[in-house]
Amino acid sequence: MASGSSVEKYLKGWTAFNILQLLGPIALGYGKPATLAEQIFPSGSAIHMRSHAHAAALLLIVKLMLLTNFSSRPLHLIHLLTSLVSASSLAFELFFYKIMPLNTSNLFNLGLAVINVVLWTVCWGSLSAPEEPERKGPRRLFAKHYMEGNTFGVDDIEMEKSRRRKDKNI
């Protein structure tokens, strides 16, 4: 992907937004997991909240590494796979295992995770395309004798040519 492209800028901004969104569950999960677990998980405990915060912390680390080295294709693949696992894990907790209730906060987190996976999958083509080397135009040689026409008048050029002939003969 070309450095500084508009796709890269938008993906970096989206990743920064996701990083900010991940800080909430991490801070609450490690800060007061018992009280938060009572709100998020109907029959959950602090262990459920800590495990949820742990998964968010791992995803946060991957996203931070991605922002620092955005041109790494293997890191993009790792990020896409961890985002996919995170989104599917959250969907299983909500719909299959029913550990978490279907409230606005959880559905918002699931929506962001799904949008993240879809966005990165759609942009994968531009991320994995090999970078084209910059085409260089024809080489332009600048030397003193090419610029003589700009620095000397017609009479000066004739005098310079005759001076050079004399210098060769000596």
N, C-alpha and C. Protein backbone atom coordinates (compact mmCIF):
# COMPACT_ATOMS: atom_id res chain seq x y z
N MET A 1 0.84 -1.17 0.00
CA MET A 1 0.00 0.00 0.00
C MET A 1 0.89 1.23 0.00
N ALA A 2 0.53 2.18 -0.77
CA ALA A 2 1.32 3.39 -0.85
C ALA A 2 1.26 4.15 0.47
N SER A 3 2.39 4.60 0.88
CA SER A 3 2.46 5.31 2.15
C SER A 3 1.73 6.64 2.04
N GLY A 4 0.91 6.93 3.01
CA GLY A 4 0.20 8.20 3.03
C GLY A 4 -1.08 8.20 2.20
N SER A 5 -1.55 7.06 1.75
CA SER A 5 -2.77 7.03 0.95
C SER A 5 -3.97 7.34 1.83
N SER A 6 -5.09 7.68 1.19
CA SER A 6 -6.28 8.04 1.95
C SER A 6 -6.84 6.82 2.69
N VAL A 7 -6.72 5.62 2.10
CA VAL A 7 -7.19 4.41 2.78
C VAL A 7 -6.39 4.21 4.07
N GLU A 8 -5.10 4.41 3.99
CA GLU A 8 -4.25 4.24 5.18
C GLU A 8 -4.63 5.23 6.27
N LYS A 9 -4.91 6.47 5.89
CA LYS A 9 -5.28 7.48 6.88
C LYS A 9 -6.59 7.13 7.57
N TYR A 10 -7.58 6.68 6.79
CA TYR A 10 -8.86 6.32 7.38
C TYR A 10 -8.74 5.09 8.28
N LEU A 11 -7.95 4.12 7.86
CA LEU A 11 -7.79 2.92 8.69
C LEU A 11 -7.04 3.23 9.98
N LYS A 12 -6.06 4.11 9.92
CA LYS A 12 -5.35 4.52 11.14
C LYS A 12 -6.30 5.24 12.09
N GLY A 13 -7.16 6.11 11.55
CA GLY A 13 -8.13 6.81 12.38
C GLY A 13 -9.14 5.85 13.01
N TRP A 14 -9.60 4.89 12.23
CA TRP A 14 -10.54 3.89 12.75
C TRP A 14 -9.87 3.05 13.83
N THR A 15 -8.62 2.69 13.64
CA THR A 15 -7.90 1.91 14.64
C THR A 15 -7.71 2.72 15.92
N ALA A 16 -7.41 4.00 15.80
CA ALA A 16 -7.28 4.85 16.98
C ALA A 16 -8.60 4.94 17.73
N PHE A 17 -9.72 5.04 17.00
CA PHE A 17 -11.04 5.04 17.64
C PHE A 17 -11.29 3.72 18.37
N ASN A 18 -10.91 2.61 17.75
CA ASN A 18 -11.08 1.31 18.40
C ASN A 18 -10.22 1.17 19.64
N ILE A 19 -9.04 1.76 19.61
CA ILE A 19 -8.17 1.71 20.79
C ILE A 19 -8.83 2.45 21.95
N LEU A 20 -9.39 3.62 21.66
CA LEU A 20 -10.07 4.37 22.72
C LEU A 20 -11.28 3.60 23.24
N GLN A 21 -11.99 2.92 22.35
CA GLN A 21 -13.16 2.16 22.77
C GLN A 21 -12.75 0.97 23.64
N LEU A 22 -11.58 0.38 23.37
CA LEU A 22 -11.14 -0.78 24.15
C LEU A 22 -10.65 -0.41 25.55
N LEU A 23 -10.29 0.85 25.75
CA LEU A 23 -9.78 1.25 27.06
C LEU A 23 -10.84 1.16 28.15
N GLY A 24 -12.10 1.36 27.80
CA GLY A 24 -13.18 1.30 28.79
C GLY A 24 -13.33 -0.06 29.45
N PRO A 25 -13.54 -1.13 28.69
CA PRO A 25 -13.68 -2.45 29.32
C PRO A 25 -12.41 -2.89 30.07
N ILE A 26 -11.26 -2.47 29.56
CA ILE A 26 -10.01 -2.85 30.24
C ILE A 26 -9.92 -2.17 31.60
N ALA A 27 -10.17 -0.86 31.62
CA ALA A 27 -10.07 -0.13 32.88
C ALA A 27 -11.10 -0.62 33.88
N LEU A 28 -12.33 -0.85 33.42
CA LEU A 28 -13.36 -1.31 34.34
C LEU A 28 -13.15 -2.76 34.75
N GLY A 29 -12.64 -3.57 33.84
CA GLY A 29 -12.44 -4.98 34.15
C GLY A 29 -11.34 -5.21 35.16
N TYR A 30 -10.29 -4.42 35.08
CA TYR A 30 -9.20 -4.57 36.04
C TYR A 30 -9.38 -3.69 37.26
N GLY A 31 -10.23 -2.67 37.16
CA GLY A 31 -10.42 -1.76 38.30
C GLY A 31 -11.40 -2.30 39.32
N LYS A 32 -12.66 -2.44 38.93
CA LYS A 32 -13.70 -2.94 39.83
C LYS A 32 -14.47 -4.05 39.12
N PRO A 33 -13.87 -5.21 38.97
CA PRO A 33 -14.54 -6.25 38.19
C PRO A 33 -15.80 -6.80 38.85
N ALA A 34 -15.89 -6.78 40.16
CA ALA A 34 -17.06 -7.38 40.82
C ALA A 34 -18.31 -6.54 40.56
N THR A 35 -18.22 -5.22 40.71
CA THR A 35 -19.41 -4.39 40.51
C THR A 35 -19.78 -4.31 39.04
N LEU A 36 -18.78 -4.29 38.16
CA LEU A 36 -19.08 -4.23 36.74
C LEU A 36 -19.65 -5.56 36.24
N ALA A 37 -19.15 -6.65 36.79
CA ALA A 37 -19.65 -7.96 36.38
C ALA A 37 -21.13 -8.11 36.72
N GLU A 38 -21.55 -7.50 37.82
CA GLU A 38 -22.97 -7.57 38.18
C GLU A 38 -23.82 -6.82 37.16
N GLN A 39 -23.27 -5.76 36.56
CA GLN A 39 -24.03 -4.98 35.58
C GLN A 39 -24.02 -5.62 34.20
N ILE A 40 -22.88 -6.16 33.81
CA ILE A 40 -22.75 -6.69 32.45
C ILE A 40 -23.21 -8.14 32.35
N PHE A 41 -22.75 -8.96 33.25
CA PHE A 41 -23.08 -10.38 33.22
C PHE A 41 -24.20 -10.65 34.22
N PRO A 42 -25.34 -11.20 33.81
CA PRO A 42 -26.44 -11.43 34.73
C PRO A 42 -26.09 -12.44 35.83
N SER A 43 -25.43 -13.51 35.47
CA SER A 43 -25.06 -14.51 36.47
C SER A 43 -23.54 -14.61 36.55
N GLY A 44 -22.87 -13.54 36.14
CA GLY A 44 -21.42 -13.58 36.03
C GLY A 44 -20.72 -13.21 37.31
N SER A 45 -19.44 -13.40 37.27
CA SER A 45 -18.61 -13.06 38.41
C SER A 45 -17.46 -12.19 37.94
N ALA A 46 -16.60 -11.84 38.87
CA ALA A 46 -15.45 -11.01 38.53
C ALA A 46 -14.51 -11.74 37.58
N ILE A 47 -14.48 -13.06 37.62
CA ILE A 47 -13.62 -13.82 36.72
C ILE A 47 -14.07 -13.64 35.27
N HIS A 48 -15.37 -13.63 35.04
CA HIS A 48 -15.86 -13.40 33.68
C HIS A 48 -15.43 -12.01 33.19
N MET A 49 -15.54 -11.03 34.07
CA MET A 49 -15.18 -9.67 33.67
C MET A 49 -13.69 -9.55 33.41
N ARG A 50 -12.88 -10.18 34.24
CA ARG A 50 -11.43 -10.13 34.04
C ARG A 50 -11.03 -10.83 32.75
N SER A 51 -11.68 -11.94 32.43
CA SER A 51 -11.34 -12.63 31.18
C SER A 51 -11.75 -11.79 29.96
N HIS A 52 -12.88 -11.10 30.07
CA HIS A 52 -13.31 -10.19 29.00
C HIS A 52 -12.31 -9.04 28.87
N ALA A 53 -11.85 -8.49 29.97
CA ALA A 53 -10.87 -7.40 29.94
C ALA A 53 -9.53 -7.90 29.43
N HIS A 54 -9.19 -9.14 29.74
CA HIS A 54 -7.93 -9.71 29.27
C HIS A 54 -7.93 -9.83 27.74
N ALA A 55 -9.02 -10.30 27.18
CA ALA A 55 -9.12 -10.40 25.71
C ALA A 55 -9.06 -9.02 25.07
N ALA A 56 -9.72 -8.04 25.69
CA ALA A 56 -9.67 -6.67 25.16
C ALA A 56 -8.25 -6.10 25.26
N ALA A 57 -7.52 -6.45 26.32
CA ALA A 57 -6.15 -5.96 26.47
C ALA A 57 -5.24 -6.56 25.40
N LEU A 58 -5.43 -7.83 25.08
CA LEU A 58 -4.62 -8.44 24.02
C LEU A 58 -4.93 -7.80 22.66
N LEU A 59 -6.19 -7.54 22.40
CA LEU A 59 -6.55 -6.88 21.16
C LEU A 59 -6.00 -5.45 21.12
N LEU A 60 -5.98 -4.80 22.25
CA LEU A 60 -5.41 -3.45 22.33
C LEU A 60 -3.92 -3.47 21.99
N ILE A 61 -3.20 -4.46 22.49
CA ILE A 61 -1.76 -4.57 22.21
C ILE A 61 -1.54 -4.76 20.71
N VAL A 62 -2.34 -5.61 20.09
CA VAL A 62 -2.20 -5.85 18.64
C VAL A 62 -2.48 -4.56 17.87
N LYS A 63 -3.51 -3.82 18.27
CA LYS A 63 -3.86 -2.58 17.58
C LYS A 63 -2.77 -1.52 17.76
N LEU A 64 -2.18 -1.44 18.94
CA LEU A 64 -1.09 -0.48 19.15
C LEU A 64 0.13 -0.84 18.32
N MET A 65 0.44 -2.14 18.24
CA MET A 65 1.55 -2.57 17.40
C MET A 65 1.26 -2.25 15.93
N LEU A 66 0.01 -2.40 15.53
CA LEU A 66 -0.37 -2.10 14.14
C LEU A 66 -0.17 -0.62 13.83
N LEU A 67 -0.54 0.24 14.77
CA LEU A 67 -0.37 1.68 14.52
C LEU A 67 1.10 2.07 14.44
N THR A 68 1.95 1.40 15.21
CA THR A 68 3.37 1.77 15.18
C THR A 68 4.08 1.23 13.94
N ASN A 69 3.59 0.12 13.39
CA ASN A 69 4.21 -0.46 12.20
C ASN A 69 3.12 -0.79 11.19
N PHE A 70 2.55 0.25 10.59
CA PHE A 70 1.38 0.08 9.75
C PHE A 70 1.69 -0.59 8.42
N SER A 71 2.94 -0.59 7.99
CA SER A 71 3.27 -1.16 6.68
C SER A 71 3.54 -2.66 6.74
N SER A 72 3.47 -3.27 7.92
CA SER A 72 3.75 -4.70 8.06
C SER A 72 2.53 -5.53 7.65
N ARG A 73 2.66 -6.28 6.57
CA ARG A 73 1.55 -7.11 6.11
C ARG A 73 1.24 -8.26 7.07
N PRO A 74 2.24 -8.94 7.64
CA PRO A 74 1.90 -9.99 8.61
C PRO A 74 1.15 -9.45 9.83
N LEU A 75 1.48 -8.24 10.25
CA LEU A 75 0.79 -7.64 11.38
C LEU A 75 -0.66 -7.32 11.02
N HIS A 76 -0.91 -6.94 9.78
CA HIS A 76 -2.29 -6.73 9.33
C HIS A 76 -3.07 -8.03 9.38
N LEU A 77 -2.43 -9.12 8.97
CA LEU A 77 -3.11 -10.42 9.01
C LEU A 77 -3.40 -10.83 10.45
N ILE A 78 -2.44 -10.64 11.35
CA ILE A 78 -2.65 -10.96 12.77
C ILE A 78 -3.79 -10.12 13.33
N HIS A 79 -3.81 -8.83 12.97
CA HIS A 79 -4.87 -7.95 13.46
C HIS A 79 -6.23 -8.39 12.95
N LEU A 80 -6.30 -8.74 11.67
CA LEU A 80 -7.57 -9.19 11.11
C LEU A 80 -8.05 -10.46 11.78
N LEU A 81 -7.14 -11.40 12.01
CA LEU A 81 -7.54 -12.66 12.65
C LEU A 81 -7.95 -12.46 14.11
N THR A 82 -7.21 -11.64 14.85
CA THR A 82 -7.59 -11.40 16.26
C THR A 82 -8.91 -10.64 16.34
N SER A 83 -9.15 -9.73 15.41
CA SER A 83 -10.43 -9.01 15.39
C SER A 83 -11.57 -9.96 15.07
N LEU A 84 -11.34 -10.88 14.16
CA LEU A 84 -12.36 -11.87 13.81
C LEU A 84 -12.66 -12.79 14.99
N VAL A 85 -11.62 -13.25 15.68
CA VAL A 85 -11.82 -14.11 16.85
C VAL A 85 -12.54 -13.34 17.96
N SER A 86 -12.16 -12.09 18.16
CA SER A 86 -12.80 -11.27 19.20
C SER A 86 -14.28 -11.03 18.90
N ALA A 87 -14.58 -10.71 17.65
CA ALA A 87 -15.99 -10.47 17.27
C ALA A 87 -16.81 -11.74 17.40
N SER A 88 -16.27 -12.86 16.94
CA SER A 88 -17.04 -14.10 17.04
C SER A 88 -17.17 -14.55 18.50
N SER A 89 -16.15 -14.31 19.31
CA SER A 89 -16.24 -14.65 20.73
C SER A 89 -17.33 -13.83 21.42
N LEU A 90 -17.38 -12.56 21.11
CA LEU A 90 -18.41 -11.70 21.70
C LEU A 90 -19.80 -12.12 21.22
N ALA A 91 -19.92 -12.48 19.95
CA ALA A 91 -21.21 -12.94 19.44
C ALA A 91 -21.64 -14.24 20.12
N PHE A 92 -20.70 -15.17 20.34
CA PHE A 92 -21.04 -16.42 21.04
C PHE A 92 -21.45 -16.15 22.48
N GLU A 93 -20.77 -15.22 23.16
CA GLU A 93 -21.14 -14.90 24.54
C GLU A 93 -22.54 -14.28 24.61
N LEU A 94 -22.90 -13.51 23.58
CA LEU A 94 -24.21 -12.85 23.59
C LEU A 94 -25.34 -13.78 23.17
N PHE A 95 -25.14 -14.54 22.11
CA PHE A 95 -26.25 -15.27 21.51
C PHE A 95 -26.26 -16.77 21.81
N PHE A 96 -25.10 -17.40 21.91
CA PHE A 96 -25.07 -18.84 22.09
C PHE A 96 -24.97 -19.22 23.57
N TYR A 97 -23.96 -18.70 24.25
CA TYR A 97 -23.78 -19.04 25.67
C TYR A 97 -24.69 -18.21 26.57
N LYS A 98 -25.10 -17.06 26.10
CA LYS A 98 -25.97 -16.13 26.83
C LYS A 98 -25.41 -15.78 28.21
N ILE A 99 -24.10 -15.57 28.25
CA ILE A 99 -23.44 -15.12 29.48
C ILE A 99 -23.69 -13.63 29.67
N MET A 100 -23.68 -12.90 28.56
CA MET A 100 -23.88 -11.45 28.62
C MET A 100 -25.30 -11.13 28.16
N PRO A 101 -25.93 -10.12 28.76
CA PRO A 101 -27.29 -9.76 28.33
C PRO A 101 -27.25 -8.96 27.02
N LEU A 102 -28.37 -8.97 26.32
CA LEU A 102 -28.47 -8.20 25.08
C LEU A 102 -28.88 -6.76 25.43
N ASN A 103 -27.93 -5.98 25.86
CA ASN A 103 -28.22 -4.58 26.15
C ASN A 103 -27.51 -3.69 25.12
N THR A 104 -27.74 -2.41 25.21
CA THR A 104 -27.22 -1.46 24.23
C THR A 104 -25.70 -1.47 24.17
N SER A 105 -25.07 -1.50 25.32
CA SER A 105 -23.61 -1.47 25.37
C SER A 105 -22.99 -2.69 24.69
N ASN A 106 -23.50 -3.86 25.00
CA ASN A 106 -22.95 -5.08 24.40
C ASN A 106 -23.22 -5.16 22.90
N LEU A 107 -24.41 -4.74 22.48
CA LEU A 107 -24.72 -4.75 21.06
C LEU A 107 -23.88 -3.71 20.31
N PHE A 108 -23.61 -2.57 20.95
CA PHE A 108 -22.74 -1.56 20.35
C PHE A 108 -21.33 -2.11 20.17
N ASN A 109 -20.82 -2.79 21.20
CA ASN A 109 -19.48 -3.40 21.09
C ASN A 109 -19.43 -4.46 20.00
N LEU A 110 -20.49 -5.25 19.89
CA LEU A 110 -20.54 -6.26 18.85
C LEU A 110 -20.61 -5.60 17.47
N GLY A 111 -21.40 -4.56 17.35
CA GLY A 111 -21.49 -3.84 16.07
C GLY A 111 -20.15 -3.26 15.65
N LEU A 112 -19.42 -2.65 16.59
CA LEU A 112 -18.09 -2.13 16.27
C LEU A 112 -17.13 -3.23 15.86
N ALA A 113 -17.21 -4.37 16.54
CA ALA A 113 -16.32 -5.48 16.20
C ALA A 113 -16.62 -6.01 14.80
N VAL A 114 -17.90 -6.11 14.46
CA VAL A 114 -18.28 -6.60 13.12
C VAL A 114 -17.88 -5.59 12.05
N ILE A 115 -18.12 -4.30 12.31
CA ILE A 115 -17.72 -3.26 11.36
C ILE A 115 -16.20 -3.29 11.16
N ASN A 116 -15.48 -3.48 12.24
CA ASN A 116 -14.02 -3.55 12.16
C ASN A 116 -13.57 -4.70 11.26
N VAL A 117 -14.15 -5.87 11.46
CA VAL A 117 -13.77 -7.04 10.64
C VAL A 117 -14.14 -6.82 9.18
N VAL A 118 -15.35 -6.30 8.93
CA VAL A 118 -15.79 -6.07 7.55
C VAL A 118 -14.91 -5.01 6.88
N LEU A 119 -14.62 -3.93 7.59
CA LEU A 119 -13.80 -2.86 7.04
C LEU A 119 -12.40 -3.34 6.67
N TRP A 120 -11.77 -4.07 7.58
CA TRP A 120 -10.42 -4.56 7.29
C TRP A 120 -10.43 -5.63 6.22
N THR A 121 -11.49 -6.42 6.12
CA THR A 121 -11.57 -7.43 5.06
C THR A 121 -11.73 -6.76 3.70
N VAL A 122 -12.57 -5.74 3.63
CA VAL A 122 -12.77 -5.02 2.37
C VAL A 122 -11.48 -4.32 1.94
N CYS A 123 -10.76 -3.76 2.87
CA CYS A 123 -9.54 -3.02 2.55
C CYS A 123 -8.32 -3.93 2.42
N TRP A 124 -8.50 -5.23 2.61
CA TRP A 124 -7.36 -6.15 2.56
C TRP A 124 -6.66 -6.11 1.20
N GLY A 125 -7.42 -5.93 0.13
CA GLY A 125 -6.82 -5.89 -1.21
C GLY A 125 -5.82 -4.76 -1.35
N SER A 126 -6.17 -3.58 -0.86
CA SER A 126 -5.24 -2.46 -0.97
C SER A 126 -4.11 -2.58 0.05
N LEU A 127 -4.35 -3.31 1.15
CA LEU A 127 -3.29 -3.49 2.14
C LEU A 127 -2.28 -4.53 1.71
N SER A 128 -2.73 -5.56 1.02
CA SER A 128 -1.83 -6.65 0.67
C SER A 128 -1.23 -6.50 -0.72
N ALA A 129 -1.66 -5.50 -1.48
CA ALA A 129 -1.09 -5.29 -2.81
C ALA A 129 0.36 -4.86 -2.67
N PRO A 130 1.23 -5.43 -3.48
CA PRO A 130 2.64 -5.03 -3.38
C PRO A 130 2.81 -3.58 -3.81
N GLU A 131 3.73 -2.94 -3.17
CA GLU A 131 3.96 -1.54 -3.49
C GLU A 131 4.69 -1.44 -4.82
N GLU A 132 4.20 -0.54 -5.65
CA GLU A 132 4.85 -0.34 -6.93
C GLU A 132 6.03 0.60 -6.72
N PRO A 133 7.16 0.25 -7.31
CA PRO A 133 8.31 1.15 -7.15
C PRO A 133 8.03 2.46 -7.88
N GLU A 134 8.57 3.50 -7.34
CA GLU A 134 8.37 4.80 -7.96
C GLU A 134 9.06 4.83 -9.31
N ARG A 135 8.34 5.31 -10.30
CA ARG A 135 8.94 5.42 -11.62
C ARG A 135 9.75 6.69 -11.68
N LYS A 136 10.95 6.49 -12.07
CA LYS A 136 11.81 7.66 -12.21
C LYS A 136 11.82 8.05 -13.68
N GLY A 137 11.77 9.31 -13.92
CA GLY A 137 11.82 9.80 -15.29
C GLY A 137 13.22 9.64 -15.86
N PRO A 138 13.41 10.09 -17.07
CA PRO A 138 14.75 9.99 -17.64
C PRO A 138 15.72 10.82 -16.81
N ARG A 139 16.92 10.31 -16.72
CA ARG A 139 17.92 11.02 -15.92
C ARG A 139 18.31 12.31 -16.62
N ARG A 140 18.39 13.32 -15.86
CA ARG A 140 18.78 14.62 -16.41
C ARG A 140 20.19 14.90 -15.94
N LEU A 141 21.06 15.05 -16.89
CA LEU A 141 22.44 15.33 -16.56
C LEU A 141 22.68 16.83 -16.65
N PHE A 142 23.24 17.33 -15.60
CA PHE A 142 23.60 18.73 -15.60
C PHE A 142 25.10 18.82 -15.46
N ALA A 143 25.69 19.43 -16.37
CA ALA A 143 27.13 19.65 -16.31
C ALA A 143 27.39 21.06 -16.77
N LYS A 144 28.60 21.49 -16.52
CA LYS A 144 28.94 22.87 -16.82
C LYS A 144 28.79 23.20 -18.29
N HIS A 145 29.19 22.27 -19.16
CA HIS A 145 29.13 22.59 -20.58
C HIS A 145 27.70 22.62 -21.12
N TYR A 146 26.73 21.98 -20.42
CA TYR A 146 25.34 22.08 -20.85
C TYR A 146 24.75 23.44 -20.50
N MET A 147 25.30 24.08 -19.51
CA MET A 147 24.74 25.34 -19.06
C MET A 147 25.48 26.54 -19.65
N GLU A 148 26.46 26.31 -20.47
CA GLU A 148 27.21 27.43 -21.02
C GLU A 148 26.34 28.35 -21.85
N GLY A 149 25.36 27.77 -22.53
CA GLY A 149 24.49 28.60 -23.35
C GLY A 149 23.69 29.58 -22.51
N ASN A 150 23.45 29.26 -21.26
CA ASN A 150 22.69 30.16 -20.39
C ASN A 150 23.57 31.20 -19.72
N THR A 151 24.86 30.93 -19.62
CA THR A 151 25.73 31.85 -18.88
C THR A 151 26.56 32.75 -19.77
N PHE A 152 26.81 32.34 -21.01
CA PHE A 152 27.63 33.14 -21.91
C PHE A 152 26.78 33.70 -23.03
N GLY A 153 27.19 34.84 -23.55
CA GLY A 153 26.58 35.36 -24.75
C GLY A 153 27.23 34.66 -25.95
N VAL A 154 26.77 34.97 -27.17
CA VAL A 154 27.29 34.33 -28.38
C VAL A 154 28.77 34.65 -28.55
N ASP A 155 29.16 35.90 -28.34
CA ASP A 155 30.57 36.29 -28.49
C ASP A 155 31.42 35.59 -27.43
N ASP A 156 30.90 35.47 -26.21
CA ASP A 156 31.66 34.83 -25.14
C ASP A 156 31.88 33.35 -25.44
N ILE A 157 30.90 32.70 -26.06
CA ILE A 157 31.02 31.28 -26.38
C ILE A 157 32.13 31.08 -27.41
N GLU A 158 32.17 31.93 -28.44
CA GLU A 158 33.21 31.80 -29.46
C GLU A 158 34.58 32.04 -28.84
N MET A 159 34.70 32.99 -27.95
CA MET A 159 35.98 33.26 -27.28
C MET A 159 36.38 32.07 -26.41
N GLU A 160 35.43 31.49 -25.73
CA GLU A 160 35.71 30.34 -24.87
C GLU A 160 36.15 29.14 -25.69
N LYS A 161 35.52 28.92 -26.85
CA LYS A 161 35.90 27.81 -27.71
C LYS A 161 37.31 27.99 -28.22
N SER A 162 37.64 29.19 -28.64
CA SER A 162 39.00 29.44 -29.15
C SER A 162 40.03 29.32 -28.03
N ARG A 163 39.67 29.73 -26.80
CA ARG A 163 40.59 29.59 -25.66
C ARG A 163 40.84 28.11 -25.37
N ARG A 164 39.80 27.30 -25.44
CA ARG A 164 39.95 25.86 -25.18
C ARG A 164 40.83 25.20 -26.26
N ARG A 165 40.67 25.63 -27.54
CA ARG A 165 41.50 25.07 -28.60
C ARG A 165 42.97 25.40 -28.36
N LYS A 166 43.22 26.60 -27.92
CA LYS A 166 44.60 27.01 -27.65
C LYS A 166 45.17 26.20 -26.48
N ASP A 167 44.34 25.95 -25.45
CA ASP A 167 44.80 25.18 -24.29
C ASP A 167 45.11 23.73 -24.68
N LYS A 168 44.37 23.18 -25.64
CA LYS A 168 44.63 21.81 -26.09
C LYS A 168 45.94 21.72 -26.86
N ASN A 169 46.24 22.74 -27.63
CA ASN A 169 47.44 22.73 -28.46
C ASN A 169 48.70 22.93 -27.63
N ILE A 170 48.59 23.44 -26.47
CA ILE A 170 49.78 23.69 -25.64
C ILE A 170 50.27 22.47 -24.98
